[in-house]
Amino acid sequence: MIRIQETALPGVLFVTTPVHADARGFFLELFHAEKFSQLGLPRSFAQSNHSRSSRGTLRGLHYQLHEPQGKLVRPITGRIFDVAVDLRRSSDRFGEWMGAELEAGDGRALYVPPGFAHGFLVLSDVADVWYQCTTCFDAASDRAVAWNDPTIGITWPLADGAPLLSPKDAHAPPLSQADLFE
């Protein structure tokens, strides 16, 4: 049975699917439309992505302004610190974040609904992250907010100093200058 667990941010959910393990390894369902729908989760996703990153890589905080994406995020190898930030100005939780470690094979995924920025830090030597999005990527709508904005105050578990960042993430604006949701 799939389990849903609420987080500190309404709408951001842990989704845990059963892991069936034996001497050969394990099996788990990453997605099941009917079961997800019964739990109030999206029944379909428009796009699936797979990223591979090395230890200390930080991807995010990303979001799409005009075509907001809900994301179901799960590491398929390795371990990550996964983060969601509420970017809805109308929300009483605006600017608040939650983060959690996710590890491949433990059955846990994080659902990040539209209206939130998403990012993750790789904690293992390598992590492959699989995530499904409720809408397709729209480059014109693509945005980022600074991963280290003190207004948001994310406590990233950085062990070895500064993270590895893309140029986009290194130059992302602070929350006070970002395009945001109403």
N, C-alpha and C. Protein backbone atom coordinates (compact mmCIF):
# COMPACT_ATOMS: atom_id res chain seq x y z
N MET A 1 0.84 -1.18 0.00
CA MET A 1 0.00 0.00 0.00
C MET A 1 0.89 1.24 0.00
N ILE A 2 0.57 2.18 -0.83
CA ILE A 2 1.29 3.45 -0.89
C ILE A 2 0.88 4.30 0.31
N ARG A 3 1.88 4.92 0.95
CA ARG A 3 1.60 5.78 2.10
C ARG A 3 1.94 7.23 1.74
N ILE A 4 1.09 8.13 2.20
CA ILE A 4 1.30 9.57 2.04
C ILE A 4 1.56 10.14 3.43
N GLN A 5 2.58 11.00 3.52
CA GLN A 5 2.88 11.67 4.78
C GLN A 5 3.05 13.15 4.49
N GLU A 6 2.30 13.98 5.21
CA GLU A 6 2.41 15.42 5.03
C GLU A 6 3.74 15.91 5.59
N THR A 7 4.20 17.03 5.06
CA THR A 7 5.42 17.68 5.56
C THR A 7 5.00 18.98 6.22
N ALA A 8 5.97 19.77 6.62
CA ALA A 8 5.70 21.06 7.25
C ALA A 8 5.05 22.04 6.28
N LEU A 9 5.18 21.80 4.98
CA LEU A 9 4.57 22.68 3.98
C LEU A 9 3.36 21.99 3.36
N PRO A 10 2.17 22.57 3.51
CA PRO A 10 0.97 21.97 2.94
C PRO A 10 1.12 21.70 1.45
N GLY A 11 0.79 20.50 1.04
CA GLY A 11 0.87 20.11 -0.37
C GLY A 11 2.15 19.39 -0.73
N VAL A 12 3.22 19.62 0.02
CA VAL A 12 4.47 18.89 -0.19
C VAL A 12 4.36 17.61 0.61
N LEU A 13 4.48 16.47 -0.08
CA LEU A 13 4.17 15.18 0.54
C LEU A 13 5.28 14.17 0.33
N PHE A 14 5.51 13.33 1.34
CA PHE A 14 6.31 12.14 1.15
C PHE A 14 5.38 11.07 0.59
N VAL A 15 5.83 10.39 -0.44
CA VAL A 15 5.08 9.30 -1.04
C VAL A 15 5.96 8.06 -0.90
N THR A 16 5.50 7.10 -0.10
CA THR A 16 6.29 5.90 0.15
C THR A 16 5.58 4.70 -0.45
N THR A 17 6.29 4.02 -1.34
CA THR A 17 5.75 2.82 -1.95
C THR A 17 6.45 1.60 -1.35
N PRO A 18 5.76 0.49 -1.24
CA PRO A 18 6.36 -0.70 -0.64
C PRO A 18 7.58 -1.18 -1.43
N VAL A 19 8.59 -1.59 -0.71
CA VAL A 19 9.79 -2.18 -1.32
C VAL A 19 9.73 -3.68 -1.07
N HIS A 20 9.75 -4.45 -2.13
CA HIS A 20 9.71 -5.90 -2.04
C HIS A 20 11.13 -6.41 -2.25
N ALA A 21 11.80 -6.79 -1.17
CA ALA A 21 13.21 -7.20 -1.23
C ALA A 21 13.36 -8.69 -0.94
N ASP A 22 14.34 -9.29 -1.61
CA ASP A 22 14.73 -10.67 -1.33
C ASP A 22 16.21 -10.82 -1.70
N ALA A 23 16.69 -12.03 -1.78
CA ALA A 23 18.12 -12.27 -2.05
C ALA A 23 18.57 -11.71 -3.40
N ARG A 24 17.64 -11.53 -4.32
CA ARG A 24 17.99 -11.03 -5.65
C ARG A 24 18.17 -9.52 -5.69
N GLY A 25 17.56 -8.83 -4.73
CA GLY A 25 17.56 -7.36 -4.75
C GLY A 25 16.20 -6.86 -4.29
N PHE A 26 15.65 -5.88 -4.99
CA PHE A 26 14.34 -5.37 -4.62
C PHE A 26 13.55 -4.94 -5.84
N PHE A 27 12.24 -4.75 -5.62
CA PHE A 27 11.32 -4.25 -6.63
C PHE A 27 10.40 -3.26 -5.95
N LEU A 28 10.10 -2.15 -6.64
CA LEU A 28 9.07 -1.24 -6.15
C LEU A 28 8.44 -0.53 -7.33
N GLU A 29 7.18 -0.16 -7.18
CA GLU A 29 6.48 0.61 -8.20
C GLU A 29 6.85 2.08 -8.01
N LEU A 30 7.39 2.71 -9.04
CA LEU A 30 7.71 4.13 -8.95
C LEU A 30 6.46 4.99 -9.11
N PHE A 31 5.52 4.50 -9.90
CA PHE A 31 4.30 5.25 -10.16
C PHE A 31 3.20 4.28 -10.57
N HIS A 32 1.99 4.54 -10.06
CA HIS A 32 0.82 3.76 -10.43
C HIS A 32 -0.34 4.73 -10.51
N ALA A 33 -0.81 5.02 -11.71
CA ALA A 33 -1.81 6.07 -11.93
C ALA A 33 -3.05 5.91 -11.06
N GLU A 34 -3.60 4.71 -11.04
CA GLU A 34 -4.84 4.49 -10.29
C GLU A 34 -4.63 4.70 -8.79
N LYS A 35 -3.58 4.11 -8.25
CA LYS A 35 -3.30 4.24 -6.81
C LYS A 35 -2.98 5.68 -6.44
N PHE A 36 -2.20 6.38 -7.27
CA PHE A 36 -1.88 7.78 -6.99
C PHE A 36 -3.14 8.63 -7.01
N SER A 37 -3.98 8.42 -7.99
CA SER A 37 -5.22 9.18 -8.12
C SER A 37 -6.11 9.00 -6.89
N GLN A 38 -6.21 7.79 -6.39
CA GLN A 38 -7.02 7.51 -5.20
C GLN A 38 -6.50 8.26 -3.97
N LEU A 39 -5.22 8.60 -3.97
CA LEU A 39 -4.61 9.32 -2.84
C LEU A 39 -4.58 10.83 -3.06
N GLY A 40 -5.17 11.30 -4.17
CA GLY A 40 -5.20 12.73 -4.44
C GLY A 40 -3.96 13.26 -5.13
N LEU A 41 -3.10 12.37 -5.60
CA LEU A 41 -1.90 12.76 -6.33
C LEU A 41 -2.20 12.79 -7.83
N PRO A 42 -1.33 13.44 -8.62
CA PRO A 42 -1.57 13.46 -10.06
C PRO A 42 -1.68 12.06 -10.64
N ARG A 43 -2.62 11.91 -11.55
CA ARG A 43 -2.84 10.62 -12.21
C ARG A 43 -1.90 10.44 -13.40
N SER A 44 -1.44 11.56 -13.93
CA SER A 44 -0.53 11.48 -15.07
C SER A 44 0.54 12.57 -14.96
N PHE A 45 1.64 12.31 -15.61
CA PHE A 45 2.73 13.25 -15.67
C PHE A 45 3.07 13.48 -17.14
N ALA A 46 3.47 14.70 -17.47
CA ALA A 46 3.74 15.07 -18.85
C ALA A 46 5.18 14.81 -19.27
N GLN A 47 6.09 14.74 -18.29
CA GLN A 47 7.51 14.62 -18.63
C GLN A 47 8.23 13.89 -17.51
N SER A 48 9.16 13.01 -17.87
CA SER A 48 10.03 12.34 -16.90
C SER A 48 11.47 12.75 -17.18
N ASN A 49 12.23 13.02 -16.11
CA ASN A 49 13.62 13.44 -16.23
C ASN A 49 14.51 12.54 -15.39
N HIS A 50 15.77 12.46 -15.79
CA HIS A 50 16.77 11.69 -15.06
C HIS A 50 18.04 12.53 -15.05
N SER A 51 18.56 12.82 -13.86
CA SER A 51 19.84 13.53 -13.77
C SER A 51 20.83 12.67 -13.01
N ARG A 52 22.09 12.79 -13.37
CA ARG A 52 23.18 12.14 -12.63
C ARG A 52 24.10 13.25 -12.16
N SER A 53 24.45 13.22 -10.88
CA SER A 53 25.28 14.27 -10.30
C SER A 53 26.26 13.66 -9.31
N SER A 54 27.39 14.34 -9.15
CA SER A 54 28.41 13.89 -8.21
C SER A 54 28.22 14.57 -6.85
N ARG A 55 28.91 14.02 -5.85
CA ARG A 55 28.83 14.53 -4.48
C ARG A 55 29.07 16.04 -4.47
N GLY A 56 28.24 16.74 -3.70
CA GLY A 56 28.39 18.17 -3.54
C GLY A 56 27.71 19.00 -4.60
N THR A 57 27.11 18.36 -5.61
CA THR A 57 26.37 19.10 -6.63
C THR A 57 25.05 19.56 -6.04
N LEU A 58 24.73 20.81 -6.25
CA LEU A 58 23.45 21.36 -5.83
C LEU A 58 22.72 21.83 -7.08
N ARG A 59 21.55 21.29 -7.30
CA ARG A 59 20.71 21.67 -8.44
C ARG A 59 19.48 22.39 -7.89
N GLY A 60 19.32 23.65 -8.29
CA GLY A 60 18.15 24.40 -7.83
C GLY A 60 18.56 25.72 -7.24
N LEU A 61 17.59 26.41 -6.86
CA LEU A 61 16.18 26.13 -6.66
C LEU A 61 15.41 26.53 -7.92
N HIS A 62 14.76 25.59 -8.58
CA HIS A 62 14.13 25.81 -9.88
C HIS A 62 12.62 25.77 -9.80
N TYR A 63 12.00 26.50 -10.72
CA TYR A 63 10.55 26.49 -10.87
C TYR A 63 10.19 27.09 -12.22
N GLN A 64 8.97 26.89 -12.65
CA GLN A 64 8.45 27.49 -13.87
C GLN A 64 7.33 28.43 -13.46
N LEU A 65 7.41 29.67 -13.92
CA LEU A 65 6.46 30.69 -13.49
C LEU A 65 5.10 30.55 -14.18
N HIS A 66 5.08 30.41 -15.50
CA HIS A 66 3.80 30.42 -16.23
C HIS A 66 3.24 29.04 -16.53
N GLU A 67 4.05 28.05 -16.47
CA GLU A 67 3.62 26.66 -16.62
C GLU A 67 4.15 25.89 -15.42
N PRO A 68 3.65 26.21 -14.21
CA PRO A 68 4.24 25.59 -13.01
C PRO A 68 4.13 24.07 -13.03
N GLN A 69 5.18 23.45 -12.55
CA GLN A 69 5.25 21.99 -12.53
C GLN A 69 5.09 21.45 -11.12
N GLY A 70 4.31 20.40 -11.00
CA GLY A 70 4.39 19.55 -9.83
C GLY A 70 5.45 18.52 -10.13
N LYS A 71 6.23 18.11 -9.14
CA LYS A 71 7.31 17.15 -9.38
C LYS A 71 7.26 16.02 -8.35
N LEU A 72 7.39 14.81 -8.83
CA LEU A 72 7.55 13.64 -7.99
C LEU A 72 9.01 13.24 -8.11
N VAL A 73 9.77 13.38 -7.02
CA VAL A 73 11.23 13.27 -7.04
C VAL A 73 11.67 12.05 -6.24
N ARG A 74 12.58 11.26 -6.85
CA ARG A 74 13.06 10.04 -6.20
C ARG A 74 14.48 9.73 -6.68
N PRO A 75 15.44 9.55 -5.76
CA PRO A 75 16.74 9.08 -6.21
C PRO A 75 16.66 7.60 -6.57
N ILE A 76 17.26 7.23 -7.70
CA ILE A 76 17.27 5.82 -8.08
C ILE A 76 18.64 5.19 -7.82
N THR A 77 19.65 6.03 -7.58
CA THR A 77 20.91 5.60 -6.99
C THR A 77 21.36 6.73 -6.07
N GLY A 78 22.04 6.39 -5.00
CA GLY A 78 22.61 7.40 -4.13
C GLY A 78 21.65 8.02 -3.13
N ARG A 79 22.07 9.17 -2.60
CA ARG A 79 21.35 9.85 -1.53
C ARG A 79 21.40 11.35 -1.78
N ILE A 80 20.26 12.03 -1.55
CA ILE A 80 20.17 13.47 -1.76
C ILE A 80 19.48 14.14 -0.58
N PHE A 81 19.71 15.44 -0.45
CA PHE A 81 18.94 16.29 0.45
C PHE A 81 18.03 17.08 -0.45
N ASP A 82 16.73 16.81 -0.39
CA ASP A 82 15.74 17.37 -1.30
C ASP A 82 15.00 18.51 -0.62
N VAL A 83 14.77 19.61 -1.34
CA VAL A 83 14.21 20.82 -0.75
C VAL A 83 13.06 21.37 -1.60
N ALA A 84 12.02 21.85 -0.91
CA ALA A 84 10.91 22.58 -1.54
C ALA A 84 10.76 23.91 -0.81
N VAL A 85 10.50 24.97 -1.59
CA VAL A 85 10.30 26.31 -1.03
C VAL A 85 8.99 26.86 -1.57
N ASP A 86 8.13 27.34 -0.68
CA ASP A 86 6.84 27.91 -1.07
C ASP A 86 7.07 29.30 -1.67
N LEU A 87 6.75 29.46 -2.95
CA LEU A 87 6.93 30.74 -3.64
C LEU A 87 5.61 31.42 -3.98
N ARG A 88 4.54 31.02 -3.32
CA ARG A 88 3.21 31.62 -3.57
C ARG A 88 3.02 32.78 -2.60
N ARG A 89 3.04 34.01 -3.12
CA ARG A 89 2.91 35.20 -2.26
C ARG A 89 1.62 35.17 -1.45
N SER A 90 0.58 34.54 -1.96
CA SER A 90 -0.71 34.49 -1.27
C SER A 90 -0.73 33.46 -0.14
N SER A 91 0.31 32.65 -0.04
CA SER A 91 0.36 31.58 0.97
C SER A 91 0.83 32.14 2.31
N ASP A 92 0.24 31.64 3.39
CA ASP A 92 0.72 32.03 4.72
C ASP A 92 2.06 31.36 5.04
N ARG A 93 2.54 30.49 4.16
CA ARG A 93 3.84 29.82 4.32
C ARG A 93 4.87 30.34 3.30
N PHE A 94 4.56 31.48 2.66
CA PHE A 94 5.43 32.05 1.63
C PHE A 94 6.88 32.17 2.14
N GLY A 95 7.82 31.70 1.32
CA GLY A 95 9.24 31.80 1.64
C GLY A 95 9.74 30.72 2.58
N GLU A 96 8.85 29.87 3.09
CA GLU A 96 9.28 28.80 3.99
C GLU A 96 9.74 27.59 3.17
N TRP A 97 10.61 26.81 3.77
CA TRP A 97 11.17 25.65 3.09
C TRP A 97 11.07 24.41 3.97
N MET A 98 11.19 23.28 3.32
CA MET A 98 11.35 22.01 4.03
C MET A 98 12.37 21.20 3.26
N GLY A 99 13.13 20.41 3.98
CA GLY A 99 14.12 19.56 3.33
C GLY A 99 14.18 18.22 4.01
N ALA A 100 14.55 17.21 3.24
CA ALA A 100 14.64 15.85 3.78
C ALA A 100 15.61 15.04 2.95
N GLU A 101 16.26 14.09 3.61
CA GLU A 101 17.12 13.16 2.89
C GLU A 101 16.26 12.08 2.25
N LEU A 102 16.59 11.77 1.01
CA LEU A 102 15.96 10.67 0.28
C LEU A 102 17.08 9.76 -0.19
N GLU A 103 16.85 8.45 -0.08
CA GLU A 103 17.86 7.48 -0.47
C GLU A 103 17.27 6.45 -1.43
N ALA A 104 18.04 6.11 -2.43
CA ALA A 104 17.59 5.12 -3.41
C ALA A 104 17.21 3.82 -2.72
N GLY A 105 16.11 3.25 -3.17
CA GLY A 105 15.71 1.94 -2.69
C GLY A 105 14.90 1.93 -1.41
N ASP A 106 14.71 3.09 -0.77
CA ASP A 106 13.95 3.08 0.50
C ASP A 106 12.45 3.25 0.28
N GLY A 107 12.05 3.43 -0.98
CA GLY A 107 10.62 3.54 -1.29
C GLY A 107 10.06 4.94 -1.17
N ARG A 108 10.86 5.91 -0.70
CA ARG A 108 10.34 7.27 -0.48
C ARG A 108 10.63 8.18 -1.67
N ALA A 109 9.63 8.98 -1.98
CA ALA A 109 9.75 10.05 -2.96
C ALA A 109 9.16 11.30 -2.33
N LEU A 110 9.44 12.45 -2.91
CA LEU A 110 8.85 13.70 -2.44
C LEU A 110 8.03 14.27 -3.58
N TYR A 111 6.76 14.61 -3.26
CA TYR A 111 5.93 15.31 -4.24
C TYR A 111 5.97 16.79 -3.91
N VAL A 112 6.42 17.59 -4.88
CA VAL A 112 6.51 19.04 -4.75
C VAL A 112 5.46 19.63 -5.69
N PRO A 113 4.40 20.26 -5.16
CA PRO A 113 3.33 20.74 -6.03
C PRO A 113 3.70 22.02 -6.78
N PRO A 114 2.91 22.39 -7.79
CA PRO A 114 3.13 23.65 -8.48
C PRO A 114 3.10 24.81 -7.47
N GLY A 115 3.89 25.84 -7.75
CA GLY A 115 3.95 26.99 -6.85
C GLY A 115 5.13 26.95 -5.90
N PHE A 116 5.91 25.90 -5.99
CA PHE A 116 7.08 25.72 -5.12
C PHE A 116 8.34 25.65 -5.98
N ALA A 117 9.45 26.15 -5.44
CA ALA A 117 10.76 25.91 -6.05
C ALA A 117 11.28 24.58 -5.52
N HIS A 118 12.11 23.94 -6.31
CA HIS A 118 12.67 22.65 -5.93
C HIS A 118 14.17 22.63 -6.18
N GLY A 119 14.89 21.96 -5.29
CA GLY A 119 16.31 21.77 -5.48
C GLY A 119 16.80 20.60 -4.66
N PHE A 120 18.01 20.12 -4.97
CA PHE A 120 18.57 19.04 -4.16
C PHE A 120 20.09 19.13 -4.16
N LEU A 121 20.66 18.58 -3.09
CA LEU A 121 22.10 18.48 -2.90
C LEU A 121 22.46 17.01 -2.85
N VAL A 122 23.50 16.60 -3.60
CA VAL A 122 23.92 15.21 -3.63
C VAL A 122 24.82 14.93 -2.43
N LEU A 123 24.45 13.92 -1.64
CA LEU A 123 25.17 13.55 -0.42
C LEU A 123 26.05 12.32 -0.60
N SER A 124 25.80 11.53 -1.63
CA SER A 124 26.58 10.32 -1.89
C SER A 124 27.61 10.63 -2.99
N ASP A 125 28.47 9.67 -3.29
CA ASP A 125 29.48 9.89 -4.34
C ASP A 125 28.82 10.27 -5.66
N VAL A 126 27.74 9.59 -5.98
CA VAL A 126 26.96 9.86 -7.20
C VAL A 126 25.50 9.64 -6.86
N ALA A 127 24.63 10.41 -7.49
CA ALA A 127 23.18 10.17 -7.34
C ALA A 127 22.51 10.33 -8.69
N ASP A 128 21.69 9.35 -9.01
CA ASP A 128 20.80 9.44 -10.16
C ASP A 128 19.43 9.80 -9.60
N VAL A 129 18.87 10.89 -10.09
CA VAL A 129 17.57 11.35 -9.60
C VAL A 129 16.58 11.29 -10.75
N TRP A 130 15.46 10.65 -10.49
CA TRP A 130 14.37 10.51 -11.45
C TRP A 130 13.23 11.36 -10.94
N TYR A 131 12.72 12.22 -11.81
CA TYR A 131 11.56 12.99 -11.39
C TYR A 131 10.59 13.16 -12.54
N GLN A 132 9.33 13.07 -12.16
CA GLN A 132 8.24 13.23 -13.11
C GLN A 132 7.61 14.59 -12.88
N CYS A 133 7.25 15.25 -13.97
CA CYS A 133 6.70 16.60 -13.91
C CYS A 133 5.28 16.61 -14.47
N THR A 134 4.42 17.42 -13.86
CA THR A 134 3.02 17.47 -14.28
C THR A 134 2.82 18.27 -15.56
N THR A 135 3.78 19.13 -15.92
CA THR A 135 3.76 19.84 -17.20
C THR A 135 5.13 19.72 -17.85
N CYS A 136 5.19 19.96 -19.14
CA CYS A 136 6.47 19.89 -19.85
C CYS A 136 7.31 21.13 -19.56
N PHE A 137 8.61 20.97 -19.72
CA PHE A 137 9.54 22.07 -19.52
C PHE A 137 9.25 23.17 -20.52
N ASP A 138 9.21 24.39 -20.02
CA ASP A 138 8.97 25.58 -20.84
C ASP A 138 10.10 26.56 -20.57
N ALA A 139 11.06 26.64 -21.48
CA ALA A 139 12.26 27.46 -21.27
C ALA A 139 11.92 28.92 -21.00
N ALA A 140 10.88 29.44 -21.63
CA ALA A 140 10.52 30.85 -21.43
C ALA A 140 9.99 31.10 -20.02
N SER A 141 9.51 30.07 -19.37
CA SER A 141 8.92 30.18 -18.03
C SER A 141 9.89 29.75 -16.93
N ASP A 142 11.05 29.24 -17.34
CA ASP A 142 12.03 28.69 -16.40
C ASP A 142 12.62 29.80 -15.53
N ARG A 143 12.64 29.56 -14.21
CA ARG A 143 13.17 30.53 -13.25
C ARG A 143 13.97 29.79 -12.19
N ALA A 144 14.76 30.56 -11.44
CA ALA A 144 15.52 30.03 -10.31
C ALA A 144 15.59 31.12 -9.25
N VAL A 145 15.74 30.69 -8.02
CA VAL A 145 15.97 31.60 -6.90
C VAL A 145 17.24 31.11 -6.20
N ALA A 146 17.99 32.04 -5.62
CA ALA A 146 19.28 31.72 -5.03
C ALA A 146 19.17 30.63 -3.97
N TRP A 147 20.00 29.61 -4.11
CA TRP A 147 20.01 28.47 -3.20
C TRP A 147 20.43 28.87 -1.79
N ASN A 148 21.18 29.96 -1.67
CA ASN A 148 21.71 30.37 -0.38
C ASN A 148 21.12 31.69 0.11
N ASP A 149 19.93 32.02 -0.36
CA ASP A 149 19.29 33.27 0.06
C ASP A 149 19.05 33.24 1.57
N PRO A 150 19.61 34.20 2.32
CA PRO A 150 19.43 34.19 3.78
C PRO A 150 17.98 34.45 4.21
N THR A 151 17.18 35.05 3.33
CA THR A 151 15.77 35.27 3.64
C THR A 151 15.04 33.93 3.76
N ILE A 152 15.40 33.00 2.89
CA ILE A 152 14.81 31.66 2.95
C ILE A 152 15.49 30.87 4.07
N GLY A 153 16.81 30.90 4.12
CA GLY A 153 17.56 30.30 5.22
C GLY A 153 17.64 28.79 5.21
N ILE A 154 17.79 28.19 4.05
CA ILE A 154 17.90 26.73 3.99
C ILE A 154 19.20 26.29 4.66
N THR A 155 19.09 25.28 5.49
CA THR A 155 20.26 24.68 6.14
C THR A 155 20.69 23.48 5.31
N TRP A 156 21.54 23.74 4.32
CA TRP A 156 22.03 22.67 3.45
C TRP A 156 23.11 21.89 4.20
N PRO A 157 23.10 20.57 4.14
CA PRO A 157 24.13 19.77 4.81
C PRO A 157 25.42 19.70 3.98
N LEU A 158 26.07 20.83 3.83
CA LEU A 158 27.30 20.92 3.04
C LEU A 158 28.48 20.50 3.91
N ALA A 159 29.15 19.44 3.51
CA ALA A 159 30.27 18.92 4.30
C ALA A 159 31.60 19.53 3.86
N ASP A 160 31.72 19.84 2.59
CA ASP A 160 33.01 20.26 2.05
C ASP A 160 32.97 21.65 1.44
N GLY A 161 32.40 22.62 2.12
CA GLY A 161 32.40 23.99 1.61
C GLY A 161 31.31 24.25 0.59
N ALA A 162 31.67 25.01 -0.44
CA ALA A 162 30.70 25.44 -1.45
C ALA A 162 30.27 24.29 -2.35
N PRO A 163 29.00 24.27 -2.75
CA PRO A 163 28.52 23.22 -3.64
C PRO A 163 28.97 23.46 -5.08
N LEU A 164 28.86 22.42 -5.91
CA LEU A 164 29.06 22.54 -7.35
C LEU A 164 27.75 23.05 -7.94
N LEU A 165 27.82 24.16 -8.68
CA LEU A 165 26.63 24.81 -9.21
C LEU A 165 26.75 25.02 -10.71
N SER A 166 25.63 25.06 -11.38
CA SER A 166 25.60 25.49 -12.78
C SER A 166 25.72 27.02 -12.79
N PRO A 167 26.11 27.61 -13.92
CA PRO A 167 26.13 29.08 -13.99
C PRO A 167 24.77 29.70 -13.67
N LYS A 168 23.71 29.06 -14.15
CA LYS A 168 22.35 29.56 -13.87
C LYS A 168 22.09 29.61 -12.36
N ASP A 169 22.45 28.54 -11.65
CA ASP A 169 22.19 28.49 -10.22
C ASP A 169 23.12 29.42 -9.44
N ALA A 170 24.34 29.58 -9.92
CA ALA A 170 25.29 30.46 -9.25
C ALA A 170 24.87 31.93 -9.33
N HIS A 171 24.10 32.28 -10.35
CA HIS A 171 23.69 33.67 -10.56
C HIS A 171 22.19 33.90 -10.35
N ALA A 172 21.51 32.95 -9.73
CA ALA A 172 20.07 33.09 -9.50
C ALA A 172 19.81 34.26 -8.55
N PRO A 173 18.72 35.00 -8.76
CA PRO A 173 18.43 36.15 -7.91
C PRO A 173 17.93 35.73 -6.53
N PRO A 174 18.05 36.62 -5.55
CA PRO A 174 17.46 36.35 -4.25
C PRO A 174 15.94 36.40 -4.34
N LEU A 175 15.29 35.89 -3.33
CA LEU A 175 13.83 35.87 -3.28
C LEU A 175 13.23 37.26 -3.51
N SER A 176 13.84 38.27 -2.95
CA SER A 176 13.32 39.64 -3.05
C SER A 176 13.33 40.18 -4.49
N GLN A 177 14.11 39.56 -5.38
CA GLN A 177 14.18 40.01 -6.77
C GLN A 177 13.64 38.99 -7.77
N ALA A 178 13.14 37.90 -7.27
CA ALA A 178 12.67 36.81 -8.15
C ALA A 178 11.24 37.07 -8.62
N ASP A 179 10.94 36.54 -9.81
CA ASP A 179 9.55 36.50 -10.28
C ASP A 179 8.84 35.43 -9.47
N LEU A 180 7.68 35.75 -8.92
CA LEU A 180 7.01 34.83 -8.00
C LEU A 180 5.56 34.59 -8.40
N PHE A 181 4.97 33.60 -7.78
CA PHE A 181 3.56 33.27 -7.97
C PHE A 181 2.70 34.18 -7.10
N GLU A 182 1.49 34.42 -7.52
CA GLU A 182 0.56 35.21 -6.69
C GLU A 182 0.01 34.39 -5.58
